[in-house]
């Protein structure tokens, strides 16, 4: 995680992703993210990053330039990322499973 702390931005141009742990780690460190505009990645990052078509290098570059040229945006993304990772704690996962199990048991 040390490398996230010295990065100005994480570029994550994934075409396929199951669960985006890389972005969670970066957000926990306060690193702004430019990521693929695909459902699995967008679901993890939410509003805490910028998105572009992963096959559009120019679009990705434009999003990186936005971050590098706007200190206020950087602050917003850092704060949003740190807040977003709170939704992905082990406790929240356990709570979601408990809720699922209870709803399944209630439907029997």
PDB file of N, CA and C in Angstrom:
ATOM      1  N   UNK A   1       0.821  -1.188   0.000  1.00  0.00           N
ATOM      2  CA  UNK A   1       0.000   0.000   0.000  1.00  0.00           C
ATOM      3  C   UNK A   1       0.866   1.254   0.000  1.00  0.00           C
ATOM      4  N   UNK A   2       2.109   1.124   0.343  1.00  0.00           N
ATOM      5  CA  UNK A   2       2.993   2.267   0.391  1.00  0.00           C
ATOM      6  C   UNK A   2       3.036   3.008  -0.950  1.00  0.00           C
ATOM      7  N   UNK A   3       2.987   2.309  -2.036  1.00  0.00           N
ATOM      8  CA  UNK A   3       3.075   2.953  -3.352  1.00  0.00           C
ATOM      9  C   UNK A   3       1.850   3.800  -3.664  1.00  0.00           C
ATOM     10  N   UNK A   4       0.705   3.400  -3.156  1.00  0.00           N
ATOM     11  CA  UNK A   4      -0.483   4.229  -3.359  1.00  0.00           C
ATOM     12  C   UNK A   4      -0.295   5.599  -2.708  1.00  0.00           C
ATOM     13  N   UNK A   5       0.396   5.637  -1.588  1.00  0.00           N
ATOM     14  CA  UNK A   5       0.578   6.879  -0.844  1.00  0.00           C
ATOM     15  C   UNK A   5       1.437   7.900  -1.590  1.00  0.00           C
ATOM     16  N   UNK A   6       2.277   7.465  -2.508  1.00  0.00           N
ATOM     17  CA  UNK A   6       3.119   8.400  -3.243  1.00  0.00           C
ATOM     18  C   UNK A   6       2.602   8.667  -4.658  1.00  0.00           C
ATOM     19  N   UNK A   7       1.549   7.973  -5.054  1.00  0.00           N
ATOM     20  CA  UNK A   7       1.005   8.155  -6.399  1.00  0.00           C
ATOM     21  C   UNK A   7       0.095   9.374  -6.463  1.00  0.00           C
ATOM     22  N   UNK A   8       0.143  10.091  -7.577  1.00  0.00           N
ATOM     23  CA  UNK A   8      -0.774  11.210  -7.794  1.00  0.00           C
ATOM     24  C   UNK A   8      -2.142  10.726  -8.245  1.00  0.00           C
ATOM     25  N   UNK A   9      -2.162   9.593  -8.931  1.00  0.00           N
ATOM     26  CA  UNK A   9      -3.418   9.035  -9.443  1.00  0.00           C
ATOM     27  C   UNK A   9      -3.205   7.553  -9.751  1.00  0.00           C
ATOM     28  N   UNK A  10      -4.254   6.768  -9.584  1.00  0.00           N
ATOM     29  CA  UNK A  10      -4.241   5.363 -10.009  1.00  0.00           C
ATOM     30  C   UNK A  10      -5.015   5.275 -11.315  1.00  0.00           C
ATOM     31  N   UNK A  11      -4.376   4.747 -12.346  1.00  0.00           N
ATOM     32  CA  UNK A  11      -5.051   4.483 -13.611  1.00  0.00           C
ATOM     33  C   UNK A  11      -5.400   3.006 -13.634  1.00  0.00           C
ATOM     34  N   UNK A  12      -6.672   2.701 -13.809  1.00  0.00           N
ATOM     35  CA  UNK A  12      -7.149   1.319 -13.753  1.00  0.00           C
ATOM     36  C   UNK A  12      -8.007   1.014 -14.985  1.00  0.00           C
ATOM     37  N   UNK A  13      -7.353   0.735 -16.133  1.00  0.00           N
ATOM     38  CA  UNK A  13      -8.083   0.498 -17.379  1.00  0.00           C
ATOM     39  C   UNK A  13      -8.461  -0.974 -17.601  1.00  0.00           C
ATOM     40  N   UNK A  14      -9.188  -1.545 -16.676  1.00  0.00           N
ATOM     41  CA  UNK A  14      -9.563  -2.958 -16.744  1.00  0.00           C
ATOM     42  C   UNK A  14     -10.725  -3.176 -17.718  1.00  0.00           C
ATOM     43  N   UNK A  15     -10.649  -4.259 -18.477  1.00  0.00           N
ATOM     44  CA  UNK A  15     -11.758  -4.631 -19.361  1.00  0.00           C
ATOM     45  C   UNK A  15     -12.740  -5.553 -18.664  1.00  0.00           C
ATOM     46  N   UNK A  16     -12.233  -6.401 -17.775  1.00  0.00           N
ATOM     47  CA  UNK A  16     -13.062  -7.336 -17.023  1.00  0.00           C
ATOM     48  C   UNK A  16     -12.618  -7.305 -15.573  1.00  0.00           C
ATOM     49  N   UNK A  17     -13.553  -7.289 -14.692  1.00  0.00           N
ATOM     50  CA  UNK A  17     -13.199  -7.265 -13.281  1.00  0.00           C
ATOM     51  C   UNK A  17     -14.282  -7.987 -12.506  1.00  0.00           C
ATOM     52  N   UNK A  18     -13.868  -8.844 -11.581  1.00  0.00           N
ATOM     53  CA  UNK A  18     -14.825  -9.501 -10.703  1.00  0.00           C
ATOM     54  C   UNK A  18     -15.134  -8.613  -9.516  1.00  0.00           C
ATOM     55  N   UNK A  19     -14.112  -8.368  -8.712  1.00  0.00           N
ATOM     56  CA  UNK A  19     -14.245  -7.432  -7.596  1.00  0.00           C
ATOM     57  C   UNK A  19     -12.985  -6.583  -7.592  1.00  0.00           C
ATOM     58  N   UNK A  20     -13.151  -5.295  -7.502  1.00  0.00           N
ATOM     59  CA  UNK A  20     -12.071  -4.334  -7.684  1.00  0.00           C
ATOM     60  C   UNK A  20     -11.353  -4.005  -6.373  1.00  0.00           C
ATOM     61  N   UNK A  21     -10.545  -4.921  -5.900  1.00  0.00           N
ATOM     62  CA  UNK A  21      -9.790  -4.722  -4.666  1.00  0.00           C
ATOM     63  C   UNK A  21      -8.712  -3.650  -4.834  1.00  0.00           C
ATOM     64  N   UNK A  22      -8.129  -3.558  -6.006  1.00  0.00           N
ATOM     65  CA  UNK A  22      -7.084  -2.566  -6.281  1.00  0.00           C
ATOM     66  C   UNK A  22      -7.571  -1.150  -5.988  1.00  0.00           C
ATOM     67  N   UNK A  23      -8.752  -0.823  -6.454  1.00  0.00           N
ATOM     68  CA  UNK A  23      -9.295   0.519  -6.219  1.00  0.00           C
ATOM     69  C   UNK A  23      -9.614   0.749  -4.748  1.00  0.00           C
ATOM     70  N   UNK A  24     -10.099  -0.269  -4.060  1.00  0.00           N
ATOM     71  CA  UNK A  24     -10.356  -0.123  -2.623  1.00  0.00           C
ATOM     72  C   UNK A  24      -9.071   0.215  -1.876  1.00  0.00           C
ATOM     73  N   UNK A  25      -7.990  -0.465  -2.216  1.00  0.00           N
ATOM     74  CA  UNK A  25      -6.714  -0.189  -1.563  1.00  0.00           C
ATOM     75  C   UNK A  25      -6.268   1.246  -1.837  1.00  0.00           C
ATOM     76  N   UNK A  26      -6.401   1.682  -3.084  1.00  0.00           N
ATOM     77  CA  UNK A  26      -6.000   3.045  -3.441  1.00  0.00           C
ATOM     78  C   UNK A  26      -6.862   4.071  -2.712  1.00  0.00           C
ATOM     79  N   UNK A  27      -8.178   3.855  -2.673  1.00  0.00           N
ATOM     80  CA  UNK A  27      -9.062   4.802  -1.999  1.00  0.00           C
ATOM     81  C   UNK A  27      -8.751   4.874  -0.505  1.00  0.00           C
ATOM     82  N   UNK A  28      -8.424   3.743   0.098  1.00  0.00           N
ATOM     83  CA  UNK A  28      -8.079   3.731   1.523  1.00  0.00           C
ATOM     84  C   UNK A  28      -6.846   4.593   1.798  1.00  0.00           C
ATOM     85  N   UNK A  29      -5.970   4.709   0.813  1.00  0.00           N
ATOM     86  CA  UNK A  29      -4.766   5.525   0.952  1.00  0.00           C
ATOM     87  C   UNK A  29      -4.976   6.961   0.494  1.00  0.00           C
ATOM     88  N   UNK A  30      -6.152   7.266  -0.025  1.00  0.00           N
ATOM     89  CA  UNK A  30      -6.430   8.611  -0.486  1.00  0.00           C
ATOM     90  C   UNK A  30      -5.913   8.912  -1.876  1.00  0.00           C
ATOM     91  N   UNK A  31      -5.678   7.884  -2.664  1.00  0.00           N
ATOM     92  CA  UNK A  31      -5.193   8.083  -4.028  1.00  0.00           C
ATOM     93  C   UNK A  31      -6.370   8.241  -4.987  1.00  0.00           C
ATOM     94  N   UNK A  32      -6.437   9.354  -5.722  1.00  0.00           N
ATOM     95  CA  UNK A  32      -7.507   9.528  -6.708  1.00  0.00           C
ATOM     96  C   UNK A  32      -7.408   8.466  -7.808  1.00  0.00           C
ATOM     97  N   UNK A  33      -8.559   8.113  -8.388  1.00  0.00           N
ATOM     98  CA  UNK A  33      -8.614   7.017  -9.355  1.00  0.00           C
ATOM     99  C   UNK A  33      -9.264   7.462 -10.656  1.00  0.00           C
ATOM    100  N   UNK A  34      -8.655   7.018 -11.757  1.00  0.00           N
ATOM    101  CA  UNK A  34      -9.290   7.051 -13.075  1.00  0.00           C
ATOM    102  C   UNK A  34      -9.435   5.595 -13.467  1.00  0.00           C
ATOM    103  N   UNK A  35     -10.668   5.166 -13.687  1.00  0.00           N
ATOM    104  CA  UNK A  35     -10.917   3.746 -13.908  1.00  0.00           C
ATOM    105  C   UNK A  35     -11.821   3.519 -15.107  1.00  0.00           C
ATOM    106  N   UNK A  36     -11.877   2.272 -15.505  1.00  0.00           N
ATOM    107  CA  UNK A  36     -12.755   1.849 -16.590  1.00  0.00           C
ATOM    108  C   UNK A  36     -14.202   2.081 -16.235  1.00  0.00           C
ATOM    109  N   UNK A  37     -14.934   2.527 -17.205  1.00  0.00           N
ATOM    110  CA  UNK A  37     -16.369   2.728 -17.014  1.00  0.00           C
ATOM    111  C   UNK A  37     -17.087   1.410 -17.308  1.00  0.00           C
ATOM    112  N   UNK A  38     -16.848   0.438 -16.413  1.00  0.00           N
ATOM    113  CA  UNK A  38     -17.530  -0.852 -16.495  1.00  0.00           C
ATOM    114  C   UNK A  38     -18.239  -1.092 -15.163  1.00  0.00           C
ATOM    115  N   UNK A  39     -19.300  -1.875 -15.210  1.00  0.00           N
ATOM    116  CA  UNK A  39     -20.198  -2.024 -14.057  1.00  0.00           C
ATOM    117  C   UNK A  39     -19.490  -2.458 -12.781  1.00  0.00           C
ATOM    118  N   UNK A  40     -18.657  -3.479 -12.826  1.00  0.00           N
ATOM    119  CA  UNK A  40     -18.027  -4.000 -11.604  1.00  0.00           C
ATOM    120  C   UNK A  40     -17.129  -2.962 -10.949  1.00  0.00           C
ATOM    121  N   UNK A  41     -16.415  -2.208 -11.743  1.00  0.00           N
ATOM    122  CA  UNK A  41     -15.514  -1.183 -11.216  1.00  0.00           C
ATOM    123  C   UNK A  41     -16.325   0.002 -10.696  1.00  0.00           C
ATOM    124  N   UNK A  42     -17.311   0.424 -11.458  1.00  0.00           N
ATOM    125  CA  UNK A  42     -18.152   1.550 -11.046  1.00  0.00           C
ATOM    126  C   UNK A  42     -18.884   1.229  -9.740  1.00  0.00           C
ATOM    127  N   UNK A  43     -19.270  -0.029  -9.568  1.00  0.00           N
ATOM    128  CA  UNK A  43     -19.974  -0.434  -8.348  1.00  0.00           C
ATOM    129  C   UNK A  43     -19.097  -0.258  -7.115  1.00  0.00           C
ATOM    130  N   UNK A  44     -17.822  -0.539  -7.238  1.00  0.00           N
ATOM    131  CA  UNK A  44     -16.910  -0.400  -6.108  1.00  0.00           C
ATOM    132  C   UNK A  44     -16.545   1.063  -5.863  1.00  0.00           C
ATOM    133  N   UNK A  45     -16.193   1.787  -6.899  1.00  0.00           N
ATOM    134  CA  UNK A  45     -15.707   3.158  -6.746  1.00  0.00           C
ATOM    135  C   UNK A  45     -16.834   4.144  -6.490  1.00  0.00           C
ATOM    136  N   UNK A  46     -17.983   3.905  -7.064  1.00  0.00           N
ATOM    137  CA  UNK A  46     -19.099   4.826  -6.888  1.00  0.00           C
ATOM    138  C   UNK A  46     -18.772   6.205  -7.423  1.00  0.00           C
ATOM    139  N   UNK A  47     -19.036   7.229  -6.622  1.00  0.00           N
ATOM    140  CA  UNK A  47     -18.782   8.616  -7.021  1.00  0.00           C
ATOM    141  C   UNK A  47     -17.392   9.091  -6.594  1.00  0.00           C
ATOM    142  N   UNK A  48     -16.554   8.182  -6.119  1.00  0.00           N
ATOM    143  CA  UNK A  48     -15.257   8.552  -5.562  1.00  0.00           C
ATOM    144  C   UNK A  48     -14.112   8.506  -6.567  1.00  0.00           C
ATOM    145  N   UNK A  49     -14.434   8.438  -7.851  1.00  0.00           N
ATOM    146  CA  UNK A  49     -13.395   8.414  -8.873  1.00  0.00           C
ATOM    147  C   UNK A  49     -13.925   8.944 -10.186  1.00  0.00           C
ATOM    148  N   UNK A  50     -13.046   9.016 -11.173  1.00  0.00           N
ATOM    149  CA  UNK A  50     -13.431   9.419 -12.520  1.00  0.00           C
ATOM    150  C   UNK A  50     -13.360   8.200 -13.422  1.00  0.00           C
ATOM    151  N   UNK A  51     -14.188   8.185 -14.450  1.00  0.00           N
ATOM    152  CA  UNK A  51     -14.309   7.015 -15.312  1.00  0.00           C
ATOM    153  C   UNK A  51     -14.145   7.391 -16.778  1.00  0.00           C
ATOM    154  N   UNK A  52     -13.690   6.414 -17.563  1.00  0.00           N
ATOM    155  CA  UNK A  52     -13.580   6.576 -19.010  1.00  0.00           C
ATOM    156  C   UNK A  52     -13.649   5.193 -19.648  1.00  0.00           C
ATOM    157  N   UNK A  53     -13.937   5.190 -20.926  1.00  0.00           N
ATOM    158  CA  UNK A  53     -13.929   3.943 -21.704  1.00  0.00           C
ATOM    159  C   UNK A  53     -12.511   3.379 -21.660  1.00  0.00           C
ATOM    160  N   UNK A  54     -12.344   2.132 -21.237  1.00  0.00           N
ATOM    161  CA  UNK A  54     -10.995   1.570 -21.111  1.00  0.00           C
ATOM    162  C   UNK A  54     -10.263   1.427 -22.444  1.00  0.00           C
ATOM    163  N   UNK A  55     -10.986   1.480 -23.551  1.00  0.00           N
ATOM    164  CA  UNK A  55     -10.360   1.371 -24.866  1.00  0.00           C
ATOM    165  C   UNK A  55     -10.071   2.737 -25.484  1.00  0.00           C
ATOM    166  N   UNK A  56     -10.370   3.796 -24.749  1.00  0.00           N
ATOM    167  CA  UNK A  56     -10.170   5.163 -25.231  1.00  0.00           C
ATOM    168  C   UNK A  56      -9.022   5.804 -24.455  1.00  0.00           C
ATOM    169  N   UNK A  57      -7.809   5.677 -24.989  1.00  0.00           N
ATOM    170  CA  UNK A  57      -6.632   6.214 -24.305  1.00  0.00           C
ATOM    171  C   UNK A  57      -6.742   7.724 -24.115  1.00  0.00           C
ATOM    172  N   UNK A  58      -7.283   8.415 -25.089  1.00  0.00           N
ATOM    173  CA  UNK A  58      -7.450   9.861 -24.983  1.00  0.00           C
ATOM    174  C   UNK A  58      -8.405  10.234 -23.868  1.00  0.00           C
ATOM    175  N   UNK A  59      -9.499   9.487 -23.748  1.00  0.00           N
ATOM    176  CA  UNK A  59     -10.465   9.733 -22.679  1.00  0.00           C
ATOM    177  C   UNK A  59      -9.858   9.492 -21.307  1.00  0.00           C
ATOM    178  N   UNK A  60      -9.064   8.429 -21.202  1.00  0.00           N
ATOM    179  CA  UNK A  60      -8.379   8.146 -19.939  1.00  0.00           C
ATOM    180  C   UNK A  60      -7.395   9.283 -19.622  1.00  0.00           C
ATOM    181  N   UNK A  61      -6.644   9.715 -20.634  1.00  0.00           N
ATOM    182  CA  UNK A  61      -5.668  10.795 -20.446  1.00  0.00           C
ATOM    183  C   UNK A  61      -6.362  12.090 -20.023  1.00  0.00           C
ATOM    184  N   UNK A  62      -7.516  12.375 -20.626  1.00  0.00           N
ATOM    185  CA  UNK A  62      -8.267  13.580 -20.252  1.00  0.00           C
ATOM    186  C   UNK A  62      -8.678  13.549 -18.783  1.00  0.00           C
ATOM    187  N   UNK A  63      -9.105  12.383 -18.308  1.00  0.00           N
ATOM    188  CA  UNK A  63      -9.509  12.260 -16.903  1.00  0.00           C
ATOM    189  C   UNK A  63      -8.309  12.417 -15.963  1.00  0.00           C
ATOM    190  N   UNK A  64      -7.168  11.871 -16.363  1.00  0.00           N
ATOM    191  CA  UNK A  64      -5.949  12.037 -15.556  1.00  0.00           C
ATOM    192  C   UNK A  64      -5.588  13.521 -15.490  1.00  0.00           C
ATOM    193  N   UNK A  65      -5.658  14.201 -16.628  1.00  0.00           N
ATOM    194  CA  UNK A  65      -5.332  15.629 -16.665  1.00  0.00           C
ATOM    195  C   UNK A  65      -6.259  16.439 -15.767  1.00  0.00           C
ATOM    196  N   UNK A  66      -7.544  16.057 -15.706  1.00  0.00           N
ATOM    197  CA  UNK A  66      -8.479  16.740 -14.804  1.00  0.00           C
ATOM    198  C   UNK A  66      -7.994  16.653 -13.367  1.00  0.00           C
ATOM    199  N   UNK A  67      -7.574  15.471 -12.961  1.00  0.00           N
ATOM    200  CA  UNK A  67      -7.111  15.278 -11.583  1.00  0.00           C
ATOM    201  C   UNK A  67      -5.825  16.059 -11.332  1.00  0.00           C
ATOM    202  N   UNK A  68      -4.871  15.935 -12.241  1.00  0.00           N
ATOM    203  CA  UNK A  68      -3.572  16.575 -12.030  1.00  0.00           C
ATOM    204  C   UNK A  68      -3.650  18.094 -12.071  1.00  0.00           C
ATOM    205  N   UNK A  69      -4.694  18.629 -12.685  1.00  0.00           N
ATOM    206  CA  UNK A  69      -4.818  20.069 -12.803  1.00  0.00           C
ATOM    207  C   UNK A  69      -5.802  20.722 -11.854  1.00  0.00           C
ATOM    208  N   UNK A  70      -6.347  19.963 -10.899  1.00  0.00           N
ATOM    209  CA  UNK A  70      -7.405  20.521 -10.057  1.00  0.00           C
ATOM    210  C   UNK A  70      -7.257  20.021  -8.622  1.00  0.00           C
ATOM    211  N   UNK A  71      -6.625  20.848  -7.791  1.00  0.00           N
ATOM    212  CA  UNK A  71      -6.397  20.463  -6.388  1.00  0.00           C
ATOM    213  C   UNK A  71      -7.697  20.248  -5.622  1.00  0.00           C
ATOM    214  N   UNK A  72      -8.727  21.024  -5.952  1.00  0.00           N
ATOM    215  CA  UNK A  72     -10.021  20.859  -5.278  1.00  0.00           C
ATOM    216  C   UNK A  72     -10.640  19.501  -5.630  1.00  0.00           C
ATOM    217  N   UNK A  73     -10.539  19.105  -6.891  1.00  0.00           N
ATOM    218  CA  UNK A  73     -11.033  17.791  -7.312  1.00  0.00           C
ATOM    219  C   UNK A  73     -10.263  16.686  -6.597  1.00  0.00           C
ATOM    220  N   UNK A  74      -8.952  16.846  -6.496  1.00  0.00           N
ATOM    221  CA  UNK A  74      -8.131  15.854  -5.787  1.00  0.00           C
ATOM    222  C   UNK A  74      -8.618  15.703  -4.349  1.00  0.00           C
ATOM    223  N   UNK A  75      -8.847  16.819  -3.668  1.00  0.00           N
ATOM    224  CA  UNK A  75      -9.324  16.764  -2.278  1.00  0.00           C
ATOM    225  C   UNK A  75     -10.680  16.074  -2.188  1.00  0.00           C
ATOM    226  N   UNK A  76     -11.563  16.382  -3.132  1.00  0.00           N
ATOM    227  CA  UNK A  76     -12.892  15.770  -3.146  1.00  0.00           C
ATOM    228  C   UNK A  76     -12.798  14.262  -3.361  1.00  0.00           C
ATOM    229  N   UNK A  77     -11.969  13.842  -4.318  1.00  0.00           N
ATOM    230  CA  UNK A  77     -11.820  12.411  -4.602  1.00  0.00           C
ATOM    231  C   UNK A  77     -11.148  11.674  -3.452  1.00  0.00           C
ATOM    232  N   UNK A  78     -10.158  12.302  -2.828  1.00  0.00           N
ATOM    233  CA  UNK A  78      -9.494  11.669  -1.675  1.00  0.00           C
ATOM    234  C   UNK A  78     -10.499  11.427  -0.544  1.00  0.00           C
ATOM    235  N   UNK A  79     -11.254  12.462  -0.220  1.00  0.00           N
ATOM    236  CA  UNK A  79     -12.243  12.343   0.863  1.00  0.00           C
ATOM    237  C   UNK A  79     -13.332  11.344   0.485  1.00  0.00           C
ATOM    238  N   UNK A  80     -13.801  11.413  -0.752  1.00  0.00           N
ATOM    239  CA  UNK A  80     -14.843  10.484  -1.200  1.00  0.00           C
ATOM    240  C   UNK A  80     -14.378   9.044  -1.192  1.00  0.00           C
ATOM    241  N   UNK A  81     -13.137   8.823  -1.583  1.00  0.00           N
ATOM    242  CA  UNK A  81     -12.587   7.470  -1.572  1.00  0.00           C
ATOM    243  C   UNK A  81     -12.468   6.907  -0.174  1.00  0.00           C
ATOM    244  N   UNK A  82     -11.963   7.723   0.729  1.00  0.00           N
ATOM    245  CA  UNK A  82     -11.825   7.256   2.123  1.00  0.00           C
ATOM    246  C   UNK A  82     -13.188   6.956   2.743  1.00  0.00           C
ATOM    247  N   UNK A  83     -14.182   7.727   2.355  1.00  0.00           N
ATOM    248  CA  UNK A  83     -15.540   7.475   2.851  1.00  0.00           C
ATOM    249  C   UNK A  83     -16.124   6.215   2.197  1.00  0.00           C
ATOM    250  N   UNK A  84     -15.872   6.049   0.916  1.00  0.00           N
ATOM    251  CA  UNK A  84     -16.423   4.908   0.161  1.00  0.00           C
ATOM    252  C   UNK A  84     -15.922   3.572   0.709  1.00  0.00           C
ATOM    253  N   UNK A  85     -14.649   3.493   1.084  1.00  0.00           N
ATOM    254  CA  UNK A  85     -14.116   2.209   1.559  1.00  0.00           C
ATOM    255  C   UNK A  85     -14.784   1.740   2.842  1.00  0.00           C
ATOM    256  N   UNK A  86     -15.408   2.655   3.559  1.00  0.00           N
ATOM    257  CA  UNK A  86     -16.115   2.270   4.783  1.00  0.00           C
ATOM    258  C   UNK A  86     -17.285   1.333   4.488  1.00  0.00           C
ATOM    259  N   UNK A  87     -17.772   1.342   3.248  1.00  0.00           N
ATOM    260  CA  UNK A  87     -18.861   0.438   2.855  1.00  0.00           C
ATOM    261  C   UNK A  87     -18.376  -0.983   2.627  1.00  0.00           C
ATOM    262  N   UNK A  88     -17.064  -1.200   2.653  1.00  0.00           N
ATOM    263  CA  UNK A  88     -16.506  -2.506   2.309  1.00  0.00           C
ATOM    264  C   UNK A  88     -15.678  -3.110   3.439  1.00  0.00           C
ATOM    265  N   UNK A  89     -16.128  -2.943   4.671  1.00  0.00           N
ATOM    266  CA  UNK A  89     -15.442  -3.562   5.798  1.00  0.00           C
ATOM    267  C   UNK A  89     -15.927  -5.001   5.959  1.00  0.00           C
ATOM    268  N   UNK A  90     -15.156  -5.792   6.689  1.00  0.00           N
ATOM    269  CA  UNK A  90     -15.587  -7.169   6.963  1.00  0.00           C
ATOM    270  C   UNK A  90     -16.884  -7.172   7.761  1.00  0.00           C
ATOM    271  N   UNK A  91     -17.042  -6.173   8.633  1.00  0.00           N
ATOM    272  CA  UNK A  91     -18.263  -6.087   9.426  1.00  0.00           C
ATOM    273  C   UNK A  91     -19.482  -5.846   8.532  1.00  0.00           C
ATOM    274  N   UNK A  92     -19.325  -4.965   7.529  1.00  0.00           N
ATOM    275  CA  UNK A  92     -20.464  -4.705   6.640  1.00  0.00           C
ATOM    276  C   UNK A  92     -20.789  -5.926   5.788  1.00  0.00           C
ATOM    277  N   UNK A  93     -19.757  -6.670   5.386  1.00  0.00           N
ATOM    278  CA  UNK A  93     -19.995  -7.909   4.634  1.00  0.00           C
ATOM    279  C   UNK A  93     -20.741  -8.912   5.511  1.00  0.00           C
ATOM    280  N   UNK A  94     -20.307  -9.059   6.757  1.00  0.00           N
ATOM    281  CA  UNK A  94     -20.974  -9.979   7.683  1.00  0.00           C
ATOM    282  C   UNK A  94     -22.424  -9.558   7.911  1.00  0.00           C
ATOM    283  N   UNK A  95     -22.655  -8.248   8.058  1.00  0.00           N
ATOM    284  CA  UNK A  95     -24.025  -7.751   8.241  1.00  0.00           C
ATOM    285  C   UNK A  95     -24.897  -8.073   7.026  1.00  0.00           C
ATOM    286  N   UNK A  96     -24.339  -7.928   5.843  1.00  0.00           N
ATOM    287  CA  UNK A  96     -25.103  -8.222   4.630  1.00  0.00           C
ATOM    288  C   UNK A  96     -25.445  -9.711   4.534  1.00  0.00           C
ATOM    289  N   UNK A  97     -24.488 -10.568   4.900  1.00  0.00           N
ATOM    290  CA  UNK A  97     -24.773 -12.004   4.891  1.00  0.00           C
ATOM    291  C   UNK A  97     -25.813 -12.363   5.938  1.00  0.00           C
ATOM    292  N   UNK A  98     -25.707 -11.763   7.099  1.00  0.00           N
ATOM    293  CA  UNK A  98     -26.694 -12.023   8.146  1.00  0.00           C
ATOM    294  C   UNK A  98     -28.088 -11.629   7.658  1.00  0.00           C
ATOM    295  N   UNK A  99     -28.191 -10.467   7.032  1.00  0.00           N
ATOM    296  CA  UNK A  99     -29.477 -10.008   6.501  1.00  0.00           C
ATOM    297  C   UNK A  99     -30.003 -10.976   5.431  1.00  0.00           C
ATOM    298  N   UNK A 100     -29.118 -11.440   4.571  1.00  0.00           N
ATOM    299  CA  UNK A 100     -29.510 -12.397   3.535  1.00  0.00           C
ATOM    300  C   UNK A 100     -30.021 -13.695   4.162  1.00  0.00           C
ATOM    301  N   UNK A 101     -29.264 -14.240   5.111  1.00  0.00           N
ATOM    302  CA  UNK A 101     -29.667 -15.491   5.765  1.00  0.00           C
ATOM    303  C   UNK A 101     -31.001 -15.342   6.488  1.00  0.00           C
ATOM    304  N   UNK A 102     -31.198 -14.220   7.160  1.00  0.00           N
ATOM    305  CA  UNK A 102     -32.461 -13.999   7.861  1.00  0.00           C
ATOM    306  C   UNK A 102     -33.626 -13.916   6.878  1.00  0.00           C
ATOM    307  N   UNK A 103     -33.411 -13.252   5.742  1.00  0.00           N
ATOM    308  CA  UNK A 103     -34.496 -13.137   4.763  1.00  0.00           C
ATOM    309  C   UNK A 103     -34.808 -14.506   4.134  1.00  0.00           C
ATOM    310  N   UNK A 104     -33.773 -15.322   3.930  1.00  0.00           N
ATOM    311  CA  UNK A 104     -33.996 -16.663   3.396  1.00  0.00           C
ATOM    312  C   UNK A 104     -34.730 -17.543   4.405  1.00  0.00           C
ATOM    313  N   UNK A 105     -34.357 -17.428   5.670  1.00  0.00           N
ATOM    314  CA  UNK A 105     -35.008 -18.216   6.713  1.00  0.00           C
ATOM    315  C   UNK A 105     -36.473 -17.797   6.882  1.00  0.00           C
ATOM    316  N   UNK A 106     -36.739 -16.520   6.726  1.00  0.00           N
ATOM    317  CA  UNK A 106     -38.101 -16.009   6.880  1.00  0.00           C
ATOM    318  C   UNK A 106     -39.009 -16.434   5.726  1.00  0.00           C
ATOM    319  N   UNK A 107     -38.401 -16.726   4.578  1.00  0.00           N
ATOM    320  CA  UNK A 107     -39.210 -17.102   3.420  1.00  0.00           C
ATOM    321  C   UNK A 107     -39.578 -18.586   3.401  1.00  0.00           C
ATOM    322  N   UNK A 108     -39.021 -19.369   4.308  1.00  0.00           N
ATOM    323  CA  UNK A 108     -39.335 -20.815   4.373  1.00  0.00           C
ATOM    324  C   UNK A 108     -40.669 -21.080   4.977  1.00  0.00           C
TER     325      UNK A 108
END
